Amino acid sequence: HALSIPVVAAIHGACLGGGLELALACHSRICTDDAKTVLGLPEVQLGLLPGSGGTQRLPRLVGVSTALEMILTGKQLRARQALKAGLVDEVVPHAILLEAAVERALKGRQ
């Protein structure tokens, strides 16, 4: 968050555990509408808690109730669910994912 340039996560496919925590550290997140795109913190299913700031960043985006459900149960969200929850800012087709991410980053620089 401390960077002077916008950082946008372009997500296609599974974005789980540390991958989601990295995306949470970005200024913005865009994911594809692909059926394989899923976001979550499944570490709890292995007896672990997210260790890279996910427990602090996730509630700020999706609210405490949704964050607790995701963190304590390992619940994963599909793209449209993630958009509705506020976890991602936009859902786009895979073909334009990078274009949409670059466009969002350039808008953030203005």
Protein backbone atom coordinates (compact mmCIF):
# COMPACT_ATOMS: atom_id res chain seq x y z
CA HIS A 1 0.00 0.00 0.00
CA ALA A 2 2.93 2.35 0.48
CA LEU A 3 3.94 2.40 -3.19
CA SER A 4 3.44 5.65 -5.06
CA ILE A 5 2.18 3.78 -8.13
CA PRO A 6 -1.04 1.72 -8.28
CA VAL A 7 -0.61 -2.05 -8.05
CA VAL A 8 -3.39 -4.14 -9.60
CA ALA A 9 -3.79 -7.89 -9.13
CA ALA A 10 -4.97 -9.65 -12.30
CA ILE A 11 -6.45 -12.95 -11.11
CA HIS A 12 -7.25 -15.96 -13.31
CA GLY A 13 -7.79 -19.36 -11.75
CA ALA A 14 -7.14 -20.32 -8.15
CA CYS A 15 -6.08 -17.45 -5.88
CA LEU A 16 -5.73 -19.19 -2.56
CA GLY A 17 -3.70 -18.76 0.61
CA GLY A 18 -0.57 -16.71 0.04
CA GLY A 19 -1.73 -15.84 -3.47
CA LEU A 20 -4.84 -14.15 -2.10
CA GLU A 21 -2.83 -12.46 0.63
CA LEU A 22 -0.56 -10.98 -2.04
CA ALA A 23 -3.63 -9.81 -3.99
CA LEU A 24 -5.07 -8.27 -0.81
CA ALA A 25 -1.93 -6.13 -0.51
CA CYS A 26 -2.61 -4.61 -3.96
CA HIS A 27 -4.55 -1.40 -4.46
CA SER A 28 -7.07 -3.13 -6.71
CA ARG A 29 -8.07 -6.64 -7.76
CA ILE A 30 -9.60 -7.79 -11.05
CA CYS A 31 -10.48 -11.41 -11.77
CA THR A 32 -11.85 -13.43 -14.64
CA ASP A 33 -15.31 -14.90 -14.89
CA ASP A 34 -13.76 -18.31 -15.58
CA ALA A 35 -15.26 -21.26 -13.67
CA LYS A 36 -11.76 -22.07 -12.33
CA THR A 37 -11.39 -18.65 -10.70
CA VAL A 38 -11.78 -19.01 -6.95
CA LEU A 39 -10.48 -16.90 -4.05
CA GLY A 40 -9.98 -17.99 -0.48
CA LEU A 41 -7.80 -18.65 2.54
CA PRO A 42 -7.94 -22.45 2.98
CA GLU A 43 -5.03 -22.64 5.46
CA VAL A 44 -7.41 -23.24 8.36
CA GLN A 45 -8.24 -26.64 6.87
CA LEU A 46 -4.61 -27.54 7.60
CA GLY A 47 -4.69 -26.07 11.10
CA LEU A 48 -2.99 -22.81 10.10
CA LEU A 49 -4.05 -19.17 10.01
CA PRO A 50 -3.20 -16.73 7.20
CA GLY A 51 0.23 -15.34 8.01
CA SER A 52 0.85 -12.49 5.59
CA GLY A 53 -1.67 -9.87 6.64
CA GLY A 54 -4.81 -11.56 5.34
CA THR A 55 -6.50 -11.47 8.73
CA GLN A 56 -6.11 -7.68 8.81
CA ARG A 57 -6.72 -6.80 5.16
CA LEU A 58 -9.67 -9.08 4.37
CA PRO A 59 -12.11 -7.57 6.93
CA ARG A 60 -11.39 -4.08 5.58
CA LEU A 61 -12.59 -5.18 2.15
CA VAL A 62 -15.45 -7.57 2.85
CA GLY A 63 -16.50 -6.75 6.40
CA VAL A 64 -15.89 -8.67 9.59
CA SER A 65 -18.69 -11.22 9.16
CA THR A 66 -17.64 -12.39 5.68
CA ALA A 67 -13.95 -12.28 6.60
CA LEU A 68 -14.50 -14.43 9.68
CA GLU A 69 -16.44 -16.97 7.66
CA MET A 70 -13.67 -17.16 5.07
CA ILE A 71 -10.81 -17.27 7.59
CA LEU A 72 -12.36 -19.66 10.11
CA THR A 73 -13.92 -22.14 7.67
CA GLY A 74 -11.70 -21.87 4.61
CA LYS A 75 -14.72 -20.86 2.50
CA GLN A 76 -13.79 -19.99 -1.07
CA LEU A 77 -15.59 -17.49 -3.28
CA ARG A 78 -16.19 -17.67 -7.02
CA ALA A 79 -15.61 -14.52 -9.08
CA ARG A 80 -19.15 -13.09 -8.90
CA GLN A 81 -19.39 -13.86 -5.18
CA ALA A 82 -16.05 -12.11 -4.62
CA LEU A 83 -17.31 -9.07 -6.53
CA LYS A 84 -20.54 -8.94 -4.54
CA ALA A 85 -18.59 -9.26 -1.27
CA GLY A 86 -16.19 -6.47 -2.25
CA LEU A 87 -13.14 -8.73 -2.45
CA VAL A 88 -12.52 -7.85 -6.11
CA ASP A 89 -13.25 -4.61 -7.91
CA GLU A 90 -14.15 -6.02 -11.30
CA VAL A 91 -14.88 -9.32 -13.07
CA VAL A 92 -13.95 -9.56 -16.76
CA PRO A 93 -13.56 -12.22 -19.45
CA HIS A 94 -10.12 -13.86 -19.52
CA ALA A 95 -9.42 -12.39 -22.98
CA ILE A 96 -9.32 -8.83 -21.62
CA LEU A 97 -7.95 -9.41 -18.10
CA LEU A 98 -4.53 -7.84 -18.65
CA GLU A 99 -5.99 -4.97 -20.66
CA ALA A 100 -8.47 -4.21 -17.87
CA ALA A 101 -5.73 -4.39 -15.21
CA VAL A 102 -3.45 -2.01 -17.12
CA GLU A 103 -6.36 0.38 -17.70
CA ARG A 104 -7.20 0.39 -13.98
CA ALA A 105 -3.55 0.98 -13.07
CA LEU A 106 -3.29 3.89 -15.50
CA LYS A 107 -6.49 5.44 -14.11
CA GLY A 108 -5.05 5.11 -10.62
CA ARG A 109 -1.99 7.15 -11.63
CA GLN A 110 -4.09 10.18 -12.53
